[in-house]
Full PDB file with SEQRES, HELIX, SHEET, SSBOND, CRYST1, ORIGX, SCALE, CONECT and MASTER records, all heavy atoms in Angstrom:
SEQRES   1 A   35  ASP ALA LEU HIS GLN PHE SER LEU ALA ARG ILE GLN TRP          
SEQRES   2 A   35  ARG GLN GLN HIS ALA ILE LEU PHE LYS ASP ARG PRO ASP          
SEQRES   3 A   35  TYR ASN PHE ILE LEU ALA ASP ASN GLY                          
HELIX    1 AA1 ALA A    2  HIS A   17  1                                  16    
CRYST1    1.000    1.000    1.000  90.00  90.00  90.00 P 1           1          
ORIGX1      1.000000  0.000000  0.000000        0.00000                         
ORIGX2      0.000000  1.000000  0.000000        0.00000                         
ORIGX3      0.000000  0.000000  1.000000        0.00000                         
SCALE1      1.000000  0.000000  0.000000        0.00000                         
SCALE2      0.000000  1.000000  0.000000        0.00000                         
SCALE3      0.000000  0.000000  1.000000        0.00000                         
ATOM      1  N   ASP A   1       0.827  -1.206   0.000  1.00  0.00           N  
ATOM      2  CA  ASP A   1       0.000   0.000   0.000  1.00  0.00           C  
ATOM      3  C   ASP A   1       0.865   1.262   0.000  1.00  0.00           C  
ATOM      4  O   ASP A   1       0.566   2.228  -0.716  1.00  0.00           O  
ATOM      5  CB  ASP A   1      -0.941   0.004   1.208  1.00  0.00           C  
ATOM      6  CG  ASP A   1      -2.016  -1.083   1.116  1.00  0.00           C  
ATOM      7  OD1 ASP A   1      -2.225  -1.605  -0.005  1.00  0.00           O  
ATOM      8  OD2 ASP A   1      -2.626  -1.408   2.151  1.00  0.00           O  
ATOM      9  N   ALA A   2       1.924   1.273   0.798  1.00  0.00           N  
ATOM     10  CA  ALA A   2       2.797   2.453   0.865  1.00  0.00           C  
ATOM     11  C   ALA A   2       3.582   2.634  -0.438  1.00  0.00           C  
ATOM     12  O   ALA A   2       3.734   3.761  -0.930  1.00  0.00           O  
ATOM     13  CB  ALA A   2       3.749   2.329   2.048  1.00  0.00           C  
ATOM     14  N   LEU A   3       4.086   1.541  -0.993  1.00  0.00           N  
ATOM     15  CA  LEU A   3       4.802   1.633  -2.275  1.00  0.00           C  
ATOM     16  C   LEU A   3       3.877   2.142  -3.375  1.00  0.00           C  
ATOM     17  O   LEU A   3       4.292   2.902  -4.258  1.00  0.00           O  
ATOM     18  CB  LEU A   3       5.370   0.263  -2.659  1.00  0.00           C  
ATOM     19  CG  LEU A   3       6.600  -0.202  -1.875  1.00  0.00           C  
ATOM     20  CD1 LEU A   3       6.878  -1.676  -2.143  1.00  0.00           C  
ATOM     21  CD2 LEU A   3       7.826   0.646  -2.238  1.00  0.00           C  
ATOM     22  N   HIS A   4       2.622   1.731  -3.318  1.00  0.00           N  
ATOM     23  CA  HIS A   4       1.642   2.202  -4.289  1.00  0.00           C  
ATOM     24  C   HIS A   4       1.479   3.719  -4.199  1.00  0.00           C  
ATOM     25  O   HIS A   4       1.544   4.438  -5.213  1.00  0.00           O  
ATOM     26  CB  HIS A   4       0.306   1.497  -4.030  1.00  0.00           C  
ATOM     27  CG  HIS A   4      -0.774   1.900  -4.978  1.00  0.00           C  
ATOM     28  ND1 HIS A   4      -2.112   1.913  -4.616  1.00  0.00           N  
ATOM     29  CD2 HIS A   4      -0.728   2.334  -6.258  1.00  0.00           C  
ATOM     30  CE1 HIS A   4      -2.831   2.311  -5.647  1.00  0.00           C  
ATOM     31  NE2 HIS A   4      -2.024   2.572  -6.658  1.00  0.00           N  
ATOM     32  N   GLN A   5       1.265   4.230  -2.982  1.00  0.00           N  
ATOM     33  CA  GLN A   5       1.089   5.670  -2.809  1.00  0.00           C  
ATOM     34  C   GLN A   5       2.348   6.435  -3.208  1.00  0.00           C  
ATOM     35  O   GLN A   5       2.270   7.496  -3.851  1.00  0.00           O  
ATOM     36  CB  GLN A   5       0.718   5.974  -1.346  1.00  0.00           C  
ATOM     37  CG  GLN A   5      -0.636   5.437  -0.921  1.00  0.00           C  
ATOM     38  CD  GLN A   5      -1.757   5.912  -1.826  1.00  0.00           C  
ATOM     39  OE1 GLN A   5      -1.861   7.111  -2.115  1.00  0.00           O  
ATOM     40  NE2 GLN A   5      -2.595   4.994  -2.287  1.00  0.00           N  
ATOM     41  N   PHE A   6       3.503   5.891  -2.859  1.00  0.00           N  
ATOM     42  CA  PHE A   6       4.767   6.533  -3.240  1.00  0.00           C  
ATOM     43  C   PHE A   6       4.899   6.609  -4.759  1.00  0.00           C  
ATOM     44  O   PHE A   6       5.277   7.645  -5.314  1.00  0.00           O  
ATOM     45  CB  PHE A   6       5.934   5.739  -2.642  1.00  0.00           C  
ATOM     46  CG  PHE A   6       7.282   6.170  -3.152  1.00  0.00           C  
ATOM     47  CD1 PHE A   6       7.905   7.296  -2.645  1.00  0.00           C  
ATOM     48  CD2 PHE A   6       7.929   5.449  -4.152  1.00  0.00           C  
ATOM     49  CE1 PHE A   6       9.148   7.700  -3.120  1.00  0.00           C  
ATOM     50  CE2 PHE A   6       9.168   5.837  -4.630  1.00  0.00           C  
ATOM     51  CZ  PHE A   6       9.779   6.965  -4.114  1.00  0.00           C  
ATOM     52  N   SER A   7       4.581   5.517  -5.438  1.00  0.00           N  
ATOM     53  CA  SER A   7       4.744   5.497  -6.891  1.00  0.00           C  
ATOM     54  C   SER A   7       3.795   6.473  -7.571  1.00  0.00           C  
ATOM     55  O   SER A   7       4.158   7.114  -8.564  1.00  0.00           O  
ATOM     56  CB  SER A   7       4.527   4.078  -7.433  1.00  0.00           C  
ATOM     57  OG  SER A   7       3.179   3.671  -7.284  1.00  0.00           O  
ATOM     58  N   LEU A   8       2.577   6.627  -7.053  1.00  0.00           N  
ATOM     59  CA  LEU A   8       1.643   7.591  -7.630  1.00  0.00           C  
ATOM     60  C   LEU A   8       2.189   9.015  -7.507  1.00  0.00           C  
ATOM     61  O   LEU A   8       2.060   9.825  -8.443  1.00  0.00           O  
ATOM     62  CB  LEU A   8       0.277   7.486  -6.942  1.00  0.00           C  
ATOM     63  CG  LEU A   8      -0.496   6.186  -7.167  1.00  0.00           C  
ATOM     64  CD1 LEU A   8      -1.807   6.199  -6.378  1.00  0.00           C  
ATOM     65  CD2 LEU A   8      -0.770   5.949  -8.643  1.00  0.00           C  
ATOM     66  N   ALA A   9       2.809   9.300  -6.372  1.00  0.00           N  
ATOM     67  CA  ALA A   9       3.415  10.624  -6.191  1.00  0.00           C  
ATOM     68  C   ALA A   9       4.574  10.828  -7.152  1.00  0.00           C  
ATOM     69  O   ALA A   9       4.739  11.907  -7.736  1.00  0.00           O  
ATOM     70  CB  ALA A   9       3.883  10.790  -4.742  1.00  0.00           C  
ATOM     71  N   ARG A  10       5.401   9.797  -7.350  1.00  0.00           N  
ATOM     72  CA  ARG A  10       6.541   9.923  -8.255  1.00  0.00           C  
ATOM     73  C   ARG A  10       6.096  10.015  -9.713  1.00  0.00           C  
ATOM     74  O   ARG A  10       6.703  10.725 -10.514  1.00  0.00           O  
ATOM     75  CB  ARG A  10       7.490   8.736  -8.064  1.00  0.00           C  
ATOM     76  CG  ARG A  10       8.373   8.832  -6.843  1.00  0.00           C  
ATOM     77  CD  ARG A  10       9.306  10.024  -6.903  1.00  0.00           C  
ATOM     78  NE  ARG A  10      10.232   9.942  -8.036  1.00  0.00           N  
ATOM     79  CZ  ARG A  10      11.118  10.885  -8.347  1.00  0.00           C  
ATOM     80  NH1 ARG A  10      11.190  11.996  -7.626  1.00  0.00           N  
ATOM     81  NH2 ARG A  10      11.922  10.729  -9.380  1.00  0.00           N  
ATOM     82  N   ILE A  11       5.020   9.309 -10.071  1.00  0.00           N  
ATOM     83  CA  ILE A  11       4.496   9.430 -11.434  1.00  0.00           C  
ATOM     84  C   ILE A  11       4.048  10.869 -11.682  1.00  0.00           C  
ATOM     85  O   ILE A  11       4.333  11.456 -12.730  1.00  0.00           O  
ATOM     86  CB  ILE A  11       3.336   8.438 -11.657  1.00  0.00           C  
ATOM     87  CG1 ILE A  11       3.874   7.003 -11.720  1.00  0.00           C  
ATOM     88  CG2 ILE A  11       2.570   8.778 -12.938  1.00  0.00           C  
ATOM     89  CD1 ILE A  11       2.785   5.943 -11.710  1.00  0.00           C  
ATOM     90  N   GLN A  12       3.350  11.442 -10.692  1.00  0.00           N  
ATOM     91  CA  GLN A  12       2.909  12.826 -10.816  1.00  0.00           C  
ATOM     92  C   GLN A  12       4.107  13.767 -10.901  1.00  0.00           C  
ATOM     93  O   GLN A  12       4.128  14.713 -11.697  1.00  0.00           O  
ATOM     94  CB  GLN A  12       2.018  13.199  -9.625  1.00  0.00           C  
ATOM     95  CG  GLN A  12       1.429  14.596  -9.677  1.00  0.00           C  
ATOM     96  CD  GLN A  12       0.421  14.756 -10.793  1.00  0.00           C  
ATOM     97  OE1 GLN A  12      -0.209  13.789 -11.203  1.00  0.00           O  
ATOM     98  NE2 GLN A  12       0.273  15.975 -11.308  1.00  0.00           N  
ATOM     99  N   TRP A  13       5.146  13.489 -10.109  1.00  0.00           N  
ATOM    100  CA  TRP A  13       6.351  14.339 -10.128  1.00  0.00           C  
ATOM    101  C   TRP A  13       7.021  14.277 -11.492  1.00  0.00           C  
ATOM    102  O   TRP A  13       7.401  15.313 -12.058  1.00  0.00           O  
ATOM    103  CB  TRP A  13       7.330  13.870  -9.037  1.00  0.00           C  
ATOM    104  CG  TRP A  13       8.545  14.753  -8.935  1.00  0.00           C  
ATOM    105  CD1 TRP A  13       8.712  15.817  -8.099  1.00  0.00           C  
ATOM    106  CD2 TRP A  13       9.748  14.638  -9.702  1.00  0.00           C  
ATOM    107  NE1 TRP A  13       9.947  16.388  -8.298  1.00  0.00           N  
ATOM    108  CE2 TRP A  13      10.609  15.683  -9.274  1.00  0.00           C  
ATOM    109  CE3 TRP A  13      10.195  13.782 -10.694  1.00  0.00           C  
ATOM    110  CZ2 TRP A  13      11.881  15.885  -9.811  1.00  0.00           C  
ATOM    111  CZ3 TRP A  13      11.459  13.975 -11.247  1.00  0.00           C  
ATOM    112  CH2 TRP A  13      12.291  15.009 -10.804  1.00  0.00           C  
ATOM    113  N   ARG A  14       7.157  13.076 -12.039  1.00  0.00           N  
ATOM    114  CA  ARG A  14       7.833  12.949 -13.339  1.00  0.00           C  
ATOM    115  C   ARG A  14       6.987  13.553 -14.456  1.00  0.00           C  
ATOM    116  O   ARG A  14       7.526  14.068 -15.437  1.00  0.00           O  
ATOM    117  CB  ARG A  14       8.143  11.486 -13.633  1.00  0.00           C  
ATOM    118  CG  ARG A  14       9.285  10.935 -12.802  1.00  0.00           C  
ATOM    119  CD  ARG A  14      10.012   9.812 -13.488  1.00  0.00           C  
ATOM    120  NE  ARG A  14       9.191   8.684 -13.807  1.00  0.00           N  
ATOM    121  CZ  ARG A  14       9.109   8.133 -15.016  1.00  0.00           C  
ATOM    122  NH1 ARG A  14       9.795   8.631 -16.030  1.00  0.00           N  
ATOM    123  NH2 ARG A  14       8.322   7.078 -15.220  1.00  0.00           N  
ATOM    124  N   GLN A  15       5.673  13.480 -14.321  1.00  0.00           N  
ATOM    125  CA  GLN A  15       4.809  14.084 -15.329  1.00  0.00           C  
ATOM    126  C   GLN A  15       5.018  15.595 -15.386  1.00  0.00           C  
ATOM    127  O   GLN A  15       4.951  16.203 -16.458  1.00  0.00           O  
ATOM    128  CB  GLN A  15       3.351  13.765 -15.003  1.00  0.00           C  
ATOM    129  CG  GLN A  15       2.378  14.059 -16.136  1.00  0.00           C  
ATOM    130  CD  GLN A  15       1.010  13.464 -15.862  1.00  0.00           C  
ATOM    131  OE1 GLN A  15       0.581  13.383 -14.717  1.00  0.00           O  
ATOM    132  NE2 GLN A  15       0.314  13.041 -16.899  1.00  0.00           N  
ATOM    133  N   GLN A  16       5.322  16.208 -14.236  1.00  0.00           N  
ATOM    134  CA  GLN A  16       5.522  17.653 -14.171  1.00  0.00           C  
ATOM    135  C   GLN A  16       6.958  18.060 -14.460  1.00  0.00           C  
ATOM    136  O   GLN A  16       7.201  19.077 -15.118  1.00  0.00           O  
ATOM    137  CB  GLN A  16       5.112  18.172 -12.793  1.00  0.00           C  
ATOM    138  CG  GLN A  16       3.631  18.027 -12.489  1.00  0.00           C  
ATOM    139  CD  GLN A  16       3.286  18.471 -11.081  1.00  0.00           C  
ATOM    140  OE1 GLN A  16       4.158  18.896 -10.313  1.00  0.00           O  
ATOM    141  NE2 GLN A  16       2.013  18.381 -10.725  1.00  0.00           N  
ATOM    142  N   HIS A  17       7.931  17.257 -13.987  1.00  0.00           N  
ATOM    143  CA  HIS A  17       9.323  17.700 -14.011  1.00  0.00           C  
ATOM    144  C   HIS A  17      10.211  16.902 -14.964  1.00  0.00           C  
ATOM    145  O   HIS A  17      11.362  17.288 -15.190  1.00  0.00           O  
ATOM    146  CB  HIS A  17       9.923  17.605 -12.597  1.00  0.00           C  
ATOM    147  CG  HIS A  17       9.187  18.407 -11.577  1.00  0.00           C  
ATOM    148  ND1 HIS A  17       9.267  19.785 -11.515  1.00  0.00           N  
ATOM    149  CD2 HIS A  17       8.333  18.031 -10.585  1.00  0.00           C  
ATOM    150  CE1 HIS A  17       8.518  20.224 -10.519  1.00  0.00           C  
ATOM    151  NE2 HIS A  17       7.928  19.179  -9.939  1.00  0.00           N  
ATOM    152  N   ALA A  18       9.717  15.806 -15.497  1.00  0.00           N  
ATOM    153  CA  ALA A  18      10.549  14.969 -16.371  1.00  0.00           C  
ATOM    154  C   ALA A  18       9.662  14.464 -17.511  1.00  0.00           C  
ATOM    155  O   ALA A  18       8.798  15.194 -18.002  1.00  0.00           O  
ATOM    156  CB  ALA A  18      11.166  13.810 -15.577  1.00  0.00           C  
ATOM    157  N   ILE A  19       9.864  13.236 -17.947  1.00  0.00           N  
ATOM    158  CA  ILE A  19       9.090  12.670 -19.054  1.00  0.00           C  
ATOM    159  C   ILE A  19       8.643  11.265 -18.687  1.00  0.00           C  
ATOM    160  O   ILE A  19       9.457  10.454 -18.222  1.00  0.00           O  
ATOM    161  CB  ILE A  19       9.926  12.634 -20.351  1.00  0.00           C  
ATOM    162  CG1 ILE A  19      10.246  14.069 -20.815  1.00  0.00           C  
ATOM    163  CG2 ILE A  19       9.188  11.885 -21.461  1.00  0.00           C  
ATOM    164  CD1 ILE A  19      11.184  14.130 -21.996  1.00  0.00           C  
ATOM    165  N   LEU A  20       7.364  10.978 -18.890  1.00  0.00           N  
ATOM    166  CA  LEU A  20       6.830   9.644 -18.638  1.00  0.00           C  
ATOM    167  C   LEU A  20       6.960   8.779 -19.881  1.00  0.00           C  
ATOM    168  O   LEU A  20       6.951   9.275 -21.013  1.00  0.00           O  
ATOM    169  CB  LEU A  20       5.358   9.722 -18.234  1.00  0.00           C  
ATOM    170  CG  LEU A  20       5.040  10.355 -16.879  1.00  0.00           C  
ATOM    171  CD1 LEU A  20       3.532  10.413 -16.697  1.00  0.00           C  
ATOM    172  CD2 LEU A  20       5.685   9.570 -15.747  1.00  0.00           C  
ATOM    173  N   PHE A  21       7.069   7.470 -19.665  1.00  0.00           N  
ATOM    174  CA  PHE A  21       7.093   6.535 -20.776  1.00  0.00           C  
ATOM    175  C   PHE A  21       5.719   6.479 -21.434  1.00  0.00           C  
ATOM    176  O   PHE A  21       4.693   6.564 -20.762  1.00  0.00           O  
ATOM    177  CB  PHE A  21       7.467   5.119 -20.306  1.00  0.00           C  
ATOM    178  CG  PHE A  21       8.848   5.028 -19.726  1.00  0.00           C  
ATOM    179  CD1 PHE A  21       9.037   4.500 -18.457  1.00  0.00           C  
ATOM    180  CD2 PHE A  21       9.960   5.449 -20.432  1.00  0.00           C  
ATOM    181  CE1 PHE A  21      10.298   4.398 -17.912  1.00  0.00           C  
ATOM    182  CE2 PHE A  21      11.229   5.347 -19.899  1.00  0.00           C  
ATOM    183  CZ  PHE A  21      11.398   4.822 -18.634  1.00  0.00           C  
ATOM    184  N   LYS A  22       5.719   6.321 -22.747  1.00  0.00           N  
ATOM    185  CA  LYS A  22       4.456   6.076 -23.449  1.00  0.00           C  
ATOM    186  C   LYS A  22       3.964   4.669 -23.110  1.00  0.00           C  
ATOM    187  O   LYS A  22       4.752   3.731 -22.982  1.00  0.00           O  
ATOM    188  CB  LYS A  22       4.649   6.219 -24.963  1.00  0.00           C  
ATOM    189  CG  LYS A  22       5.033   7.628 -25.387  1.00  0.00           C  
ATOM    190  CD  LYS A  22       3.899   8.606 -25.113  1.00  0.00           C  
ATOM    191  CE  LYS A  22       4.210  10.020 -25.606  1.00  0.00           C  
ATOM    192  NZ  LYS A  22       5.303  10.688 -24.886  1.00  0.00           N  
ATOM    193  N   ASP A  23       2.663   4.532 -22.970  1.00  0.00           N  
ATOM    194  CA  ASP A  23       2.078   3.258 -22.523  1.00  0.00           C  
ATOM    195  C   ASP A  23       1.886   2.332 -23.724  1.00  0.00           C  
ATOM    196  O   ASP A  23       0.802   2.259 -24.305  1.00  0.00           O  
ATOM    197  CB  ASP A  23       0.751   3.510 -21.814  1.00  0.00           C  
ATOM    198  CG  ASP A  23       0.306   2.306 -21.006  1.00  0.00           C  
ATOM    199  OD1 ASP A  23       1.143   1.414 -20.779  1.00  0.00           O  
ATOM    200  OD2 ASP A  23      -0.869   2.263 -20.611  1.00  0.00           O  
ATOM    201  N   ARG A  24       2.964   1.635 -24.096  1.00  0.00           N  
ATOM    202  CA  ARG A  24       2.898   0.684 -25.208  1.00  0.00           C  
ATOM    203  C   ARG A  24       3.013  -0.734 -24.658  1.00  0.00           C  
ATOM    204  O   ARG A  24       3.727  -0.969 -23.686  1.00  0.00           O  
ATOM    205  CB  ARG A  24       4.025   0.951 -26.206  1.00  0.00           C  
ATOM    206  CG  ARG A  24       3.971   2.342 -26.828  1.00  0.00           C  
ATOM    207  CD  ARG A  24       5.020   2.489 -27.927  1.00  0.00           C  
ATOM    208  NE  ARG A  24       5.013   3.839 -28.475  1.00  0.00           N  
ATOM    209  CZ  ARG A  24       5.792   4.836 -28.047  1.00  0.00           C  
ATOM    210  NH1 ARG A  24       6.649   4.609 -27.068  1.00  0.00           N  
ATOM    211  NH2 ARG A  24       5.727   6.030 -28.594  1.00  0.00           N  
ATOM    212  N   PRO A  25       2.351  -1.692 -25.295  1.00  0.00           N  
ATOM    213  CA  PRO A  25       2.384  -3.061 -24.762  1.00  0.00           C  
ATOM    214  C   PRO A  25       3.690  -3.777 -25.078  1.00  0.00           C  
ATOM    215  O   PRO A  25       4.379  -3.446 -26.052  1.00  0.00           O  
ATOM    216  CB  PRO A  25       1.216  -3.733 -25.482  1.00  0.00           C  
ATOM    217  CG  PRO A  25       1.124  -3.005 -26.792  1.00  0.00           C  
ATOM    218  CD  PRO A  25       1.476  -1.580 -26.479  1.00  0.00           C  
ATOM    219  N   ASP A  26       4.025  -4.748 -24.255  1.00  0.00           N  
ATOM    220  CA  ASP A  26       5.058  -5.728 -24.575  1.00  0.00           C  
ATOM    221  C   ASP A  26       4.346  -6.955 -25.127  1.00  0.00           C  
ATOM    222  O   ASP A  26       3.383  -7.444 -24.522  1.00  0.00           O  
ATOM    223  CB  ASP A  26       5.862  -6.113 -23.332  1.00  0.00           C  
ATOM    224  CG  ASP A  26       6.736  -4.977 -22.827  1.00  0.00           C  
ATOM    225  OD1 ASP A  26       7.267  -4.233 -23.667  1.00  0.00           O  
ATOM    226  OD2 ASP A  26       6.867  -4.832 -21.601  1.00  0.00           O  
ATOM    227  N   TYR A  27       4.820  -7.438 -26.260  1.00  0.00           N  
ATOM    228  CA  TYR A  27       4.207  -8.624 -26.866  1.00  0.00           C  
ATOM    229  C   TYR A  27       5.022  -9.848 -26.462  1.00  0.00           C  
ATOM    230  O   TYR A  27       6.211  -9.946 -26.770  1.00  0.00           O  
ATOM    231  CB  TYR A  27       4.158  -8.470 -28.383  1.00  0.00           C  
ATOM    232  CG  TYR A  27       3.239  -7.365 -28.831  1.00  0.00           C  
ATOM    233  CD1 TYR A  27       3.736  -6.125 -29.203  1.00  0.00           C  
ATOM    234  CD2 TYR A  27       1.860  -7.547 -28.864  1.00  0.00           C  
ATOM    235  CE1 TYR A  27       2.894  -5.100 -29.620  1.00  0.00           C  
ATOM    236  CE2 TYR A  27       1.004  -6.530 -29.271  1.00  0.00           C  
ATOM    237  CZ  TYR A  27       1.535  -5.302 -29.646  1.00  0.00           C  
ATOM    238  OH  TYR A  27       0.690  -4.290 -30.042  1.00  0.00           O  
ATOM    239  N   ASN A  28       4.387 -10.762 -25.768  1.00  0.00           N  
ATOM    240  CA  ASN A  28       5.081 -11.923 -25.219  1.00  0.00           C  
ATOM    241  C   ASN A  28       4.574 -13.212 -25.861  1.00  0.00           C  
ATOM    242  O   ASN A  28       3.361 -13.431 -25.984  1.00  0.00           O  
ATOM    243  CB  ASN A  28       4.880 -11.994 -23.698  1.00  0.00           C  
ATOM    244  CG  ASN A  28       5.581 -10.849 -22.992  1.00  0.00           C  
ATOM    245  OD1 ASN A  28       6.747 -10.576 -23.246  1.00  0.00           O  
ATOM    246  ND2 ASN A  28       4.869 -10.163 -22.118  1.00  0.00           N  
ATOM    247  N   PHE A  29       5.530 -14.054 -26.247  1.00  0.00           N  
ATOM    248  CA  PHE A  29       5.201 -15.348 -26.842  1.00  0.00           C  
ATOM    249  C   PHE A  29       4.977 -16.371 -25.731  1.00  0.00           C  
ATOM    250  O   PHE A  29       5.856 -16.577 -24.881  1.00  0.00           O  
ATOM    251  CB  PHE A  29       6.338 -15.829 -27.744  1.00  0.00           C  
ATOM    252  CG  PHE A  29       6.562 -14.957 -28.952  1.00  0.00           C  
ATOM    253  CD1 PHE A  29       7.484 -13.930 -28.923  1.00  0.00           C  
ATOM    254  CD2 PHE A  29       5.830 -15.154 -30.119  1.00  0.00           C  
ATOM    255  CE1 PHE A  29       7.693 -13.119 -30.025  1.00  0.00           C  
ATOM    256  CE2 PHE A  29       6.021 -14.351 -31.225  1.00  0.00           C  
ATOM    257  CZ  PHE A  29       6.956 -13.329 -31.184  1.00  0.00           C  
ATOM    258  N   ILE A  30       3.825 -17.008 -25.745  1.00  0.00           N  
ATOM    259  CA  ILE A  30       3.515 -18.064 -24.787  1.00  0.00           C  
ATOM    260  C   ILE A  30       3.758 -19.391 -25.504  1.00  0.00           C  
ATOM    261  O   ILE A  30       3.144 -19.668 -26.545  1.00  0.00           O  
ATOM    262  CB  ILE A  30       2.059 -17.975 -24.297  1.00  0.00           C  
ATOM    263  CG1 ILE A  30       1.737 -16.536 -23.838  1.00  0.00           C  
ATOM    264  CG2 ILE A  30       1.819 -18.988 -23.193  1.00  0.00           C  
ATOM    265  CD1 ILE A  30       2.652 -16.010 -22.749  1.00  0.00           C  
ATOM    266  N   LEU A  31       4.667 -20.202 -24.951  1.00  0.00           N  
ATOM    267  CA  LEU A  31       5.066 -21.437 -25.616  1.00  0.00           C  
ATOM    268  C   LEU A  31       4.381 -22.646 -24.996  1.00  0.00           C  
ATOM    269  O   LEU A  31       4.228 -22.737 -23.772  1.00  0.00           O  
ATOM    270  CB  LEU A  31       6.586 -21.613 -25.525  1.00  0.00           C  
ATOM    271  CG  LEU A  31       7.450 -20.456 -26.056  1.00  0.00           C  
ATOM    272  CD1 LEU A  31       8.930 -20.795 -25.912  1.00  0.00           C  
ATOM    273  CD2 LEU A  31       7.106 -20.138 -27.503  1.00  0.00           C  
ATOM    274  N   ALA A  32       3.989 -23.569 -25.865  1.00  0.00           N  
ATOM    275  CA  ALA A  32       3.435 -24.843 -25.401  1.00  0.00           C  
ATOM    276  C   ALA A  32       4.579 -25.767 -24.986  1.00  0.00           C  
ATOM    277  O   ALA A  32       5.758 -25.455 -25.176  1.00  0.00           O  
ATOM    278  CB  ALA A  32       2.609 -25.479 -26.519  1.00  0.00           C  
ATOM    279  N   ASP A  33       4.229 -26.926 -24.428  1.00  0.00           N  
ATOM    280  CA  ASP A  33       5.257 -27.871 -23.973  1.00  0.00           C  
ATOM    281  C   ASP A  33       6.158 -28.351 -25.108  1.00  0.00           C  
ATOM    282  O   ASP A  33       7.325 -28.678 -24.889  1.00  0.00           O  
ATOM    283  CB  ASP A  33       4.591 -29.083 -23.301  1.00  0.00           C  
ATOM    284  CG  ASP A  33       3.916 -28.702 -21.994  1.00  0.00           C  
ATOM    285  OD1 ASP A  33       4.269 -27.654 -21.425  1.00  0.00           O  
ATOM    286  OD2 ASP A  33       3.024 -29.448 -21.547  1.00  0.00           O  
ATOM    287  N   ASN A  34       5.635 -28.385 -26.328  1.00  0.00           N  
ATOM    288  CA  ASN A  34       6.441 -28.847 -27.464  1.00  0.00           C  
ATOM    289  C   ASN A  34       7.269 -27.730 -28.095  1.00  0.00           C  
ATOM    290  O   ASN A  34       7.924 -27.928 -29.120  1.00  0.00           O  
ATOM    291  CB  ASN A  34       5.541 -29.476 -28.533  1.00  0.00           C  
ATOM    292  CG  ASN A  34       4.525 -28.485 -29.101  1.00  0.00           C  
ATOM    293  OD1 ASN A  34       4.492 -27.314 -28.708  1.00  0.00           O  
ATOM    294  ND2 ASN A  34       3.690 -28.959 -30.017  1.00  0.00           N  
ATOM    295  N   GLY A  35       7.242 -26.544 -27.479  1.00  0.00           N  
ATOM    296  CA  GLY A  35       8.048 -25.434 -27.964  1.00  0.00           C  
ATOM    297  C   GLY A  35       7.354 -24.547 -28.969  1.00  0.00           C  
ATOM    298  O   GLY A  35       7.879 -23.487 -29.330  1.00  0.00           O  
TER     299      GLY A  35                                                      
MASTER        0    0    0    1    0    0    0    6  298    1    0    3          
END                                                                             
């Protein structure tokens, strides 16, 4: 809970004073047992 609140404050800080990452997905390959 505390880490969550801290991170929200830092996200707000970076939005004002730095640059936030663009919210793009990571595409992950899910492999079956046979590869």
